[in-house]
């Protein structure tokens, strides 16, 4: 099943959070957001549920894109209106 395969791959990947240092993040990639407390059962295993998947366009900009979502470590006030996902959702 595709869902269980996806969660199996995600469980093996390095996890970062909004407290991660800017230089710890990879320069490019696809990002997955998880919401604390939200879980999904895959077979007999409880997993943190993926609540959002995102990408970025410009090479080497993943750390900046993540910072746009969350803001800096002190304020955590990201720019939610810069999200293409939110624009598409709002237009639907």
PDB file of N, CA and C in Angstrom:
ATOM      1  N   UNK A   1       0.841  -1.175   0.000  1.00  0.00           N
ATOM      2  CA  UNK A   1       0.000   0.000   0.000  1.00  0.00           C
ATOM      3  C   UNK A   1       0.892   1.247   0.000  1.00  0.00           C
ATOM      4  N   UNK A   2       0.517   2.235  -0.757  1.00  0.00           N
ATOM      5  CA  UNK A   2       1.345   3.428  -0.923  1.00  0.00           C
ATOM      6  C   UNK A   2       1.505   4.189   0.398  1.00  0.00           C
ATOM      7  N   UNK A   3       0.446   4.306   1.170  1.00  0.00           N
ATOM      8  CA  UNK A   3       0.507   5.049   2.432  1.00  0.00           C
ATOM      9  C   UNK A   3       1.505   4.422   3.396  1.00  0.00           C
ATOM     10  N   UNK A   4       1.443   3.115   3.557  1.00  0.00           N
ATOM     11  CA  UNK A   4       2.377   2.471   4.493  1.00  0.00           C
ATOM     12  C   UNK A   4       3.804   2.566   3.984  1.00  0.00           C
ATOM     13  N   UNK A   5       4.003   2.491   2.669  1.00  0.00           N
ATOM     14  CA  UNK A   5       5.351   2.664   2.097  1.00  0.00           C
ATOM     15  C   UNK A   5       5.879   4.064   2.367  1.00  0.00           C
ATOM     16  N   UNK A   6       5.031   5.078   2.191  1.00  0.00           N
ATOM     17  CA  UNK A   6       5.448   6.457   2.439  1.00  0.00           C
ATOM     18  C   UNK A   6       5.848   6.647   3.897  1.00  0.00           C
ATOM     19  N   UNK A   7       5.025   6.181   4.809  1.00  0.00           N
ATOM     20  CA  UNK A   7       5.336   6.338   6.234  1.00  0.00           C
ATOM     21  C   UNK A   7       6.566   5.531   6.633  1.00  0.00           C
ATOM     22  N   UNK A   8       6.807   4.410   5.984  1.00  0.00           N
ATOM     23  CA  UNK A   8       8.020   3.627   6.261  1.00  0.00           C
ATOM     24  C   UNK A   8       9.264   4.418   5.854  1.00  0.00           C
ATOM     25  N   UNK A   9       9.213   5.080   4.704  1.00  0.00           N
ATOM     26  CA  UNK A   9      10.346   5.903   4.251  1.00  0.00           C
ATOM     27  C   UNK A   9      10.524   7.105   5.183  1.00  0.00           C
ATOM     28  N   UNK A  10       9.429   7.782   5.514  1.00  0.00           N
ATOM     29  CA  UNK A  10       9.517   8.968   6.371  1.00  0.00           C
ATOM     30  C   UNK A  10      10.080   8.646   7.749  1.00  0.00           C
ATOM     31  N   UNK A  11       9.785   7.457   8.252  1.00  0.00           N
ATOM     32  CA  UNK A  11      10.284   7.094   9.579  1.00  0.00           C
ATOM     33  C   UNK A  11      11.798   6.935   9.605  1.00  0.00           C
ATOM     34  N   UNK A  12      12.430   6.764   8.453  1.00  0.00           N
ATOM     35  CA  UNK A  12      13.882   6.591   8.371  1.00  0.00           C
ATOM     36  C   UNK A  12      14.639   7.903   8.175  1.00  0.00           C
ATOM     37  N   UNK A  13      13.925   8.976   7.844  1.00  0.00           N
ATOM     38  CA  UNK A  13      14.573  10.244   7.516  1.00  0.00           C
ATOM     39  C   UNK A  13      14.898  11.066   8.759  1.00  0.00           C
ATOM     40  N   UNK A  14      15.911  11.909   8.627  1.00  0.00           N
ATOM     41  CA  UNK A  14      16.282  12.861   9.676  1.00  0.00           C
ATOM     42  C   UNK A  14      15.115  13.809   9.912  1.00  0.00           C
ATOM     43  N   UNK A  15      14.822  14.098  11.168  1.00  0.00           N
ATOM     44  CA  UNK A  15      13.752  15.036  11.522  1.00  0.00           C
ATOM     45  C   UNK A  15      14.365  16.360  11.951  1.00  0.00           C
ATOM     46  N   UNK A  16      13.740  17.430  11.519  1.00  0.00           N
ATOM     47  CA  UNK A  16      14.117  18.774  11.919  1.00  0.00           C
ATOM     48  C   UNK A  16      12.874  19.446  12.476  1.00  0.00           C
ATOM     49  N   UNK A  17      13.066  20.487  13.266  1.00  0.00           N
ATOM     50  CA  UNK A  17      11.931  21.280  13.705  1.00  0.00           C
ATOM     51  C   UNK A  17      12.283  22.755  13.551  1.00  0.00           C
ATOM     52  N   UNK A  18      11.370  23.629  13.972  1.00  0.00           N
ATOM     53  CA  UNK A  18      11.618  25.055  13.777  1.00  0.00           C
ATOM     54  C   UNK A  18      12.708  25.593  14.678  1.00  0.00           C
ATOM     55  N   UNK A  19      13.199  24.769  15.623  1.00  0.00           N
ATOM     56  CA  UNK A  19      14.331  25.177  16.446  1.00  0.00           C
ATOM     57  C   UNK A  19      15.671  24.759  15.834  1.00  0.00           C
ATOM     58  N   UNK A  20      15.633  24.007  14.727  1.00  0.00           N
ATOM     59  CA  UNK A  20      16.870  23.599  14.061  1.00  0.00           C
ATOM     60  C   UNK A  20      17.593  24.831  13.540  1.00  0.00           C
ATOM     61  N   UNK A  21      18.893  24.761  13.610  1.00  0.00           N
ATOM     62  CA  UNK A  21      19.689  25.868  13.096  1.00  0.00           C
ATOM     63  C   UNK A  21      19.571  25.915  11.585  1.00  0.00           C
ATOM     64  N   UNK A  22      19.583  27.104  11.046  1.00  0.00           N
ATOM     65  CA  UNK A  22      19.448  27.331   9.615  1.00  0.00           C
ATOM     66  C   UNK A  22      20.436  26.495   8.814  1.00  0.00           C
ATOM     67  N   UNK A  23      21.675  26.390   9.306  1.00  0.00           N
ATOM     68  CA  UNK A  23      22.705  25.653   8.563  1.00  0.00           C
ATOM     69  C   UNK A  23      22.603  24.136   8.731  1.00  0.00           C
ATOM     70  N   UNK A  24      21.702  23.644   9.579  1.00  0.00           N
ATOM     71  CA  UNK A  24      21.501  22.200   9.723  1.00  0.00           C
ATOM     72  C   UNK A  24      20.567  21.649   8.648  1.00  0.00           C
ATOM     73  N   UNK A  25      19.774  22.501   8.059  1.00  0.00           N
ATOM     74  CA  UNK A  25      18.812  22.053   7.060  1.00  0.00           C
ATOM     75  C   UNK A  25      19.485  21.798   5.723  1.00  0.00           C
ATOM     76  N   UNK A  26      19.032  20.813   4.975  1.00  0.00           N
ATOM     77  CA  UNK A  26      19.590  20.586   3.644  1.00  0.00           C
ATOM     78  C   UNK A  26      19.235  21.745   2.715  1.00  0.00           C
ATOM     79  N   UNK A  27      20.018  21.986   1.669  1.00  0.00           N
ATOM     80  CA  UNK A  27      19.764  23.134   0.790  1.00  0.00           C
ATOM     81  C   UNK A  27      18.528  22.963  -0.090  1.00  0.00           C
ATOM     82  N   UNK A  28      18.154  21.746  -0.389  1.00  0.00           N
ATOM     83  CA  UNK A  28      17.030  21.484  -1.285  1.00  0.00           C
ATOM     84  C   UNK A  28      16.248  20.286  -0.793  1.00  0.00           C
ATOM     85  N   UNK A  29      15.041  20.147  -1.278  1.00  0.00           N
ATOM     86  CA  UNK A  29      14.272  18.955  -0.960  1.00  0.00           C
ATOM     87  C   UNK A  29      12.782  19.199  -0.849  1.00  0.00           C
ATOM     88  N   UNK A  30      12.096  18.136  -0.553  1.00  0.00           N
ATOM     89  CA  UNK A  30      10.670  18.162  -0.271  1.00  0.00           C
ATOM     90  C   UNK A  30      10.543  18.137   1.244  1.00  0.00           C
ATOM     91  N   UNK A  31       9.626  18.925   1.797  1.00  0.00           N
ATOM     92  CA  UNK A  31       9.475  18.922   3.248  1.00  0.00           C
ATOM     93  C   UNK A  31       8.099  18.414   3.644  1.00  0.00           C
ATOM     94  N   UNK A  32       8.069  17.772   4.795  1.00  0.00           N
ATOM     95  CA  UNK A  32       6.857  17.195   5.356  1.00  0.00           C
ATOM     96  C   UNK A  32       6.641  17.804   6.722  1.00  0.00           C
ATOM     97  N   UNK A  33       5.447  18.282   6.988  1.00  0.00           N
ATOM     98  CA  UNK A  33       5.106  18.821   8.298  1.00  0.00           C
ATOM     99  C   UNK A  33       4.270  17.789   9.042  1.00  0.00           C
ATOM    100  N   UNK A  34       4.549  17.677  10.330  1.00  0.00           N
ATOM    101  CA  UNK A  34       3.797  16.818  11.225  1.00  0.00           C
ATOM    102  C   UNK A  34       3.246  17.711  12.329  1.00  0.00           C
ATOM    103  N   UNK A  35       2.047  17.435  12.787  1.00  0.00           N
ATOM    104  CA  UNK A  35       1.456  18.187  13.888  1.00  0.00           C
ATOM    105  C   UNK A  35       1.532  17.337  15.146  1.00  0.00           C
ATOM    106  N   UNK A  36       2.141  17.880  16.198  1.00  0.00           N
ATOM    107  CA  UNK A  36       2.225  17.139  17.458  1.00  0.00           C
ATOM    108  C   UNK A  36       0.834  16.734  17.917  1.00  0.00           C
ATOM    109  N   UNK A  37       0.719  15.501  18.318  1.00  0.00           N
ATOM    110  CA  UNK A  37      -0.550  15.018  18.832  1.00  0.00           C
ATOM    111  C   UNK A  37      -1.478  14.434  17.778  1.00  0.00           C
ATOM    112  N   UNK A  38      -1.191  14.681  16.508  1.00  0.00           N
ATOM    113  CA  UNK A  38      -2.015  14.094  15.455  1.00  0.00           C
ATOM    114  C   UNK A  38      -1.350  12.816  14.991  1.00  0.00           C
ATOM    115  N   UNK A  39      -2.065  11.716  15.082  1.00  0.00           N
ATOM    116  CA  UNK A  39      -1.502  10.421  14.714  1.00  0.00           C
ATOM    117  C   UNK A  39      -2.415   9.706  13.725  1.00  0.00           C
ATOM    118  N   UNK A  40      -1.852   8.713  13.078  1.00  0.00           N
ATOM    119  CA  UNK A  40      -2.577   7.864  12.142  1.00  0.00           C
ATOM    120  C   UNK A  40      -2.101   6.434  12.381  1.00  0.00           C
ATOM    121  N   UNK A  41      -3.012   5.506  12.274  1.00  0.00           N
ATOM    122  CA  UNK A  41      -2.638   4.106  12.445  1.00  0.00           C
ATOM    123  C   UNK A  41      -2.381   3.497  11.072  1.00  0.00           C
ATOM    124  N   UNK A  42      -1.162   2.979  10.889  1.00  0.00           N
ATOM    125  CA  UNK A  42      -0.762   2.299   9.659  1.00  0.00           C
ATOM    126  C   UNK A  42      -0.514   0.846  10.039  1.00  0.00           C
ATOM    127  N   UNK A  43      -1.427  -0.031   9.666  1.00  0.00           N
ATOM    128  CA  UNK A  43      -1.336  -1.422  10.112  1.00  0.00           C
ATOM    129  C   UNK A  43      -1.521  -1.465  11.611  1.00  0.00           C
ATOM    130  N   UNK A  44      -0.515  -1.941  12.323  1.00  0.00           N
ATOM    131  CA  UNK A  44      -0.586  -1.995  13.793  1.00  0.00           C
ATOM    132  C   UNK A  44       0.253  -0.903  14.447  1.00  0.00           C
ATOM    133  N   UNK A  45       0.831  -0.010  13.648  1.00  0.00           N
ATOM    134  CA  UNK A  45       1.735   1.019  14.154  1.00  0.00           C
ATOM    135  C   UNK A  45       1.064   2.384  14.152  1.00  0.00           C
ATOM    136  N   UNK A  46       1.208   3.118  15.249  1.00  0.00           N
ATOM    137  CA  UNK A  46       0.747   4.506  15.315  1.00  0.00           C
ATOM    138  C   UNK A  46       1.882   5.410  14.866  1.00  0.00           C
ATOM    139  N   UNK A  47       1.594   6.306  13.941  1.00  0.00           N
ATOM    140  CA  UNK A  47       2.600   7.219  13.384  1.00  0.00           C
ATOM    141  C   UNK A  47       2.119   8.652  13.532  1.00  0.00           C
ATOM    142  N   UNK A  48       3.074   9.586  13.605  1.00  0.00           N
ATOM    143  CA  UNK A  48       2.700  10.988  13.525  1.00  0.00           C
ATOM    144  C   UNK A  48       2.147  11.240  12.120  1.00  0.00           C
ATOM    145  N   UNK A  49       1.014  11.915  12.049  1.00  0.00           N
ATOM    146  CA  UNK A  49       0.347  12.119  10.771  1.00  0.00           C
ATOM    147  C   UNK A  49       0.977  13.277   9.999  1.00  0.00           C
ATOM    148  N   UNK A  50       1.234  13.056   8.724  1.00  0.00           N
ATOM    149  CA  UNK A  50       1.701  14.122   7.848  1.00  0.00           C
ATOM    150  C   UNK A  50       0.544  15.092   7.663  1.00  0.00           C
ATOM    151  N   UNK A  51       0.787  16.366   7.984  1.00  0.00           N
ATOM    152  CA  UNK A  51      -0.271  17.358   7.850  1.00  0.00           C
ATOM    153  C   UNK A  51      -0.026  18.298   6.668  1.00  0.00           C
ATOM    154  N   UNK A  52       1.170  18.242   6.107  1.00  0.00           N
ATOM    155  CA  UNK A  52       1.477  19.115   4.976  1.00  0.00           C
ATOM    156  C   UNK A  52       2.726  18.630   4.279  1.00  0.00           C
ATOM    157  N   UNK A  53       2.737  18.754   2.969  1.00  0.00           N
ATOM    158  CA  UNK A  53       3.906  18.443   2.155  1.00  0.00           C
ATOM    159  C   UNK A  53       4.176  19.674   1.303  1.00  0.00           C
ATOM    160  N   UNK A  54       5.427  20.060   1.197  1.00  0.00           N
ATOM    161  CA  UNK A  54       5.758  21.244   0.415  1.00  0.00           C
ATOM    162  C   UNK A  54       7.042  21.081  -0.360  1.00  0.00           C
ATOM    163  N   UNK A  55       7.229  21.978  -1.298  1.00  0.00           N
ATOM    164  CA  UNK A  55       8.455  22.054  -2.085  1.00  0.00           C
ATOM    165  C   UNK A  55       8.850  23.528  -2.197  1.00  0.00           C
ATOM    166  N   UNK A  56       9.930  23.769  -2.842  1.00  0.00           N
ATOM    167  CA  UNK A  56      10.365  25.136  -3.101  1.00  0.00           C
ATOM    168  C   UNK A  56      10.893  25.183  -4.516  1.00  0.00           C
ATOM    169  N   UNK A  57      10.953  26.361  -5.090  1.00  0.00           N
ATOM    170  CA  UNK A  57      11.316  26.499  -6.504  1.00  0.00           C
ATOM    171  C   UNK A  57      12.797  26.802  -6.703  1.00  0.00           C
ATOM    172  N   UNK A  58      13.334  27.719  -5.945  1.00  0.00           N
ATOM    173  CA  UNK A  58      14.695  28.193  -6.184  1.00  0.00           C
ATOM    174  C   UNK A  58      15.732  27.249  -5.584  1.00  0.00           C
ATOM    175  N   UNK A  59      16.785  26.921  -6.344  1.00  0.00           N
ATOM    176  CA  UNK A  59      17.837  26.025  -5.828  1.00  0.00           C
ATOM    177  C   UNK A  59      18.502  26.599  -4.573  1.00  0.00           C
ATOM    178  N   UNK A  60      18.723  25.731  -3.598  1.00  0.00           N
ATOM    179  CA  UNK A  60      19.431  26.126  -2.388  1.00  0.00           C
ATOM    180  C   UNK A  60      18.619  26.945  -1.412  1.00  0.00           C
ATOM    181  N   UNK A  61      17.300  26.991  -1.591  1.00  0.00           N
ATOM    182  CA  UNK A  61      16.476  27.879  -0.752  1.00  0.00           C
ATOM    183  C   UNK A  61      15.612  27.173   0.281  1.00  0.00           C
ATOM    184  N   UNK A  62      15.793  25.881   0.489  1.00  0.00           N
ATOM    185  CA  UNK A  62      14.932  25.194   1.450  1.00  0.00           C
ATOM    186  C   UNK A  62      15.013  25.805   2.854  1.00  0.00           C
ATOM    187  N   UNK A  63      16.199  26.085   3.403  1.00  0.00           N
ATOM    188  CA  UNK A  63      16.236  26.686   4.749  1.00  0.00           C
ATOM    189  C   UNK A  63      15.460  28.011   4.823  1.00  0.00           C
ATOM    190  N   UNK A  64      15.579  28.838   3.797  1.00  0.00           N
ATOM    191  CA  UNK A  64      14.847  30.107   3.805  1.00  0.00           C
ATOM    192  C   UNK A  64      13.345  29.882   3.688  1.00  0.00           C
ATOM    193  N   UNK A  65      12.960  28.874   2.915  1.00  0.00           N
ATOM    194  CA  UNK A  65      11.533  28.572   2.755  1.00  0.00           C
ATOM    195  C   UNK A  65      10.935  28.105   4.084  1.00  0.00           C
ATOM    196  N   UNK A  66      11.660  27.277   4.794  1.00  0.00           N
ATOM    197  CA  UNK A  66      11.179  26.824   6.090  1.00  0.00           C
ATOM    198  C   UNK A  66      11.074  28.005   7.049  1.00  0.00           C
ATOM    199  N   UNK A  67      12.048  28.899   7.016  1.00  0.00           N
ATOM    200  CA  UNK A  67      12.009  30.066   7.888  1.00  0.00           C
ATOM    201  C   UNK A  67      10.816  30.960   7.538  1.00  0.00           C
ATOM    202  N   UNK A  68      10.445  31.037   6.260  1.00  0.00           N
ATOM    203  CA  UNK A  68       9.265  31.807   5.877  1.00  0.00           C
ATOM    204  C   UNK A  68       8.012  31.244   6.553  1.00  0.00           C
ATOM    205  N   UNK A  69       7.940  29.941   6.666  1.00  0.00           N
ATOM    206  CA  UNK A  69       6.780  29.323   7.294  1.00  0.00           C
ATOM    207  C   UNK A  69       6.718  29.597   8.789  1.00  0.00           C
ATOM    208  N   UNK A  70       7.855  29.523   9.468  1.00  0.00           N
ATOM    209  CA  UNK A  70       7.871  29.591  10.927  1.00  0.00           C
ATOM    210  C   UNK A  70       8.369  30.902  11.500  1.00  0.00           C
ATOM    211  N   UNK A  71       9.100  31.689  10.750  1.00  0.00           N
ATOM    212  CA  UNK A  71       9.734  32.870  11.298  1.00  0.00           C
ATOM    213  C   UNK A  71      11.044  32.479  11.946  1.00  0.00           C
ATOM    214  N   UNK A  72      11.632  33.386  12.727  1.00  0.00           N
ATOM    215  CA  UNK A  72      12.889  33.032  13.387  1.00  0.00           C
ATOM    216  C   UNK A  72      12.608  32.354  14.722  1.00  0.00           C
ATOM    217  N   UNK A  73      13.650  31.856  15.366  1.00  0.00           N
ATOM    218  CA  UNK A  73      13.486  31.096  16.606  1.00  0.00           C
ATOM    219  C   UNK A  73      12.886  31.945  17.729  1.00  0.00           C
ATOM    220  N   UNK A  74      13.077  33.244  17.674  1.00  0.00           N
ATOM    221  CA  UNK A  74      12.571  34.099  18.745  1.00  0.00           C
ATOM    222  C   UNK A  74      11.095  34.439  18.581  1.00  0.00           C
ATOM    223  N   UNK A  75      10.678  34.701  17.345  1.00  0.00           N
ATOM    224  CA  UNK A  75       9.300  35.145  17.164  1.00  0.00           C
ATOM    225  C   UNK A  75       8.364  34.026  16.716  1.00  0.00           C
ATOM    226  N   UNK A  76       8.879  33.074  15.926  1.00  0.00           N
ATOM    227  CA  UNK A  76       8.061  32.020  15.327  1.00  0.00           C
ATOM    228  C   UNK A  76       6.846  32.597  14.601  1.00  0.00           C
ATOM    229  N   UNK A  77       7.004  33.778  14.021  1.00  0.00           N
ATOM    230  CA  UNK A  77       5.919  34.415  13.274  1.00  0.00           C
ATOM    231  C   UNK A  77       6.247  34.359  11.788  1.00  0.00           C
ATOM    232  N   UNK A  78       5.950  33.241  11.192  1.00  0.00           N
ATOM    233  CA  UNK A  78       6.202  33.088   9.770  1.00  0.00           C
ATOM    234  C   UNK A  78       5.152  33.793   8.938  1.00  0.00           C
ATOM    235  N   UNK A  79       5.401  33.858   7.653  1.00  0.00           N
ATOM    236  CA  UNK A  79       4.474  34.486   6.727  1.00  0.00           C
ATOM    237  C   UNK A  79       3.564  33.414   6.142  1.00  0.00           C
ATOM    238  N   UNK A  80       2.454  33.159   6.791  1.00  0.00           N
ATOM    239  CA  UNK A  80       1.529  32.126   6.321  1.00  0.00           C
ATOM    240  C   UNK A  80       0.956  32.471   4.955  1.00  0.00           C
ATOM    241  N   UNK A  81       0.922  33.753   4.594  1.00  0.00           N
ATOM    242  CA  UNK A  81       0.337  34.156   3.318  1.00  0.00           C
ATOM    243  C   UNK A  81       1.257  33.907   2.134  1.00  0.00           C
ATOM    244  N   UNK A  82       2.506  33.493   2.391  1.00  0.00           N
ATOM    245  CA  UNK A  82       3.425  33.208   1.284  1.00  0.00           C
ATOM    246  C   UNK A  82       3.272  31.779   0.780  1.00  0.00           C
ATOM    247  N   UNK A  83       2.386  31.008   1.388  1.00  0.00           N
ATOM    248  CA  UNK A  83       2.221  29.600   1.050  1.00  0.00           C
ATOM    249  C   UNK A  83       1.395  29.417  -0.222  1.00  0.00           C
ATOM    250  N   UNK A  84       1.967  28.769  -1.222  1.00  0.00           N
ATOM    251  CA  UNK A  84       1.233  28.448  -2.448  1.00  0.00           C
ATOM    252  C   UNK A  84       0.111  27.464  -2.116  1.00  0.00           C
ATOM    253  N   UNK A  85       0.382  26.540  -1.192  1.00  0.00           N
ATOM    254  CA  UNK A  85      -0.634  25.591  -0.756  1.00  0.00           C
ATOM    255  C   UNK A  85      -1.867  26.323  -0.253  1.00  0.00           C
ATOM    256  N   UNK A  86      -1.664  27.319   0.602  1.00  0.00           N
ATOM    257  CA  UNK A  86      -2.793  28.084   1.130  1.00  0.00           C
ATOM    258  C   UNK A  86      -3.517  28.835   0.019  1.00  0.00           C
ATOM    259  N   UNK A  87      -2.777  29.347  -0.959  1.00  0.00           N
ATOM    260  CA  UNK A  87      -3.415  30.046  -2.083  1.00  0.00           C
ATOM    261  C   UNK A  87      -4.305  29.115  -2.876  1.00  0.00           C
ATOM    262  N   UNK A  88      -3.809  27.911  -3.161  1.00  0.00           N
ATOM    263  CA  UNK A  88      -4.616  26.936  -3.895  1.00  0.00           C
ATOM    264  C   UNK A  88      -5.831  26.497  -3.080  1.00  0.00           C
ATOM    265  N   UNK A  89      -5.630  26.285  -1.796  1.00  0.00           N
ATOM    266  CA  UNK A  89      -6.729  25.864  -0.929  1.00  0.00           C
ATOM    267  C   UNK A  89      -7.788  26.966  -0.849  1.00  0.00           C
ATOM    268  N   UNK A  90      -7.337  28.187  -0.721  1.00  0.00           N
ATOM    269  CA  UNK A  90      -8.277  29.311  -0.652  1.00  0.00           C
ATOM    270  C   UNK A  90      -9.049  29.521  -1.945  1.00  0.00           C
ATOM    271  N   UNK A  91      -8.428  29.192  -3.071  1.00  0.00           N
ATOM    272  CA  UNK A  91      -9.094  29.343  -4.368  1.00  0.00           C
ATOM    273  C   UNK A  91     -10.079  28.227  -4.660  1.00  0.00           C
ATOM    274  N   UNK A  92      -9.937  27.098  -3.936  1.00  0.00           N
ATOM    275  CA  UNK A  92     -10.808  25.940  -4.216  1.00  0.00           C
ATOM    276  C   UNK A  92     -12.207  26.146  -3.676  1.00  0.00           C
TER     277      UNK A  92
END
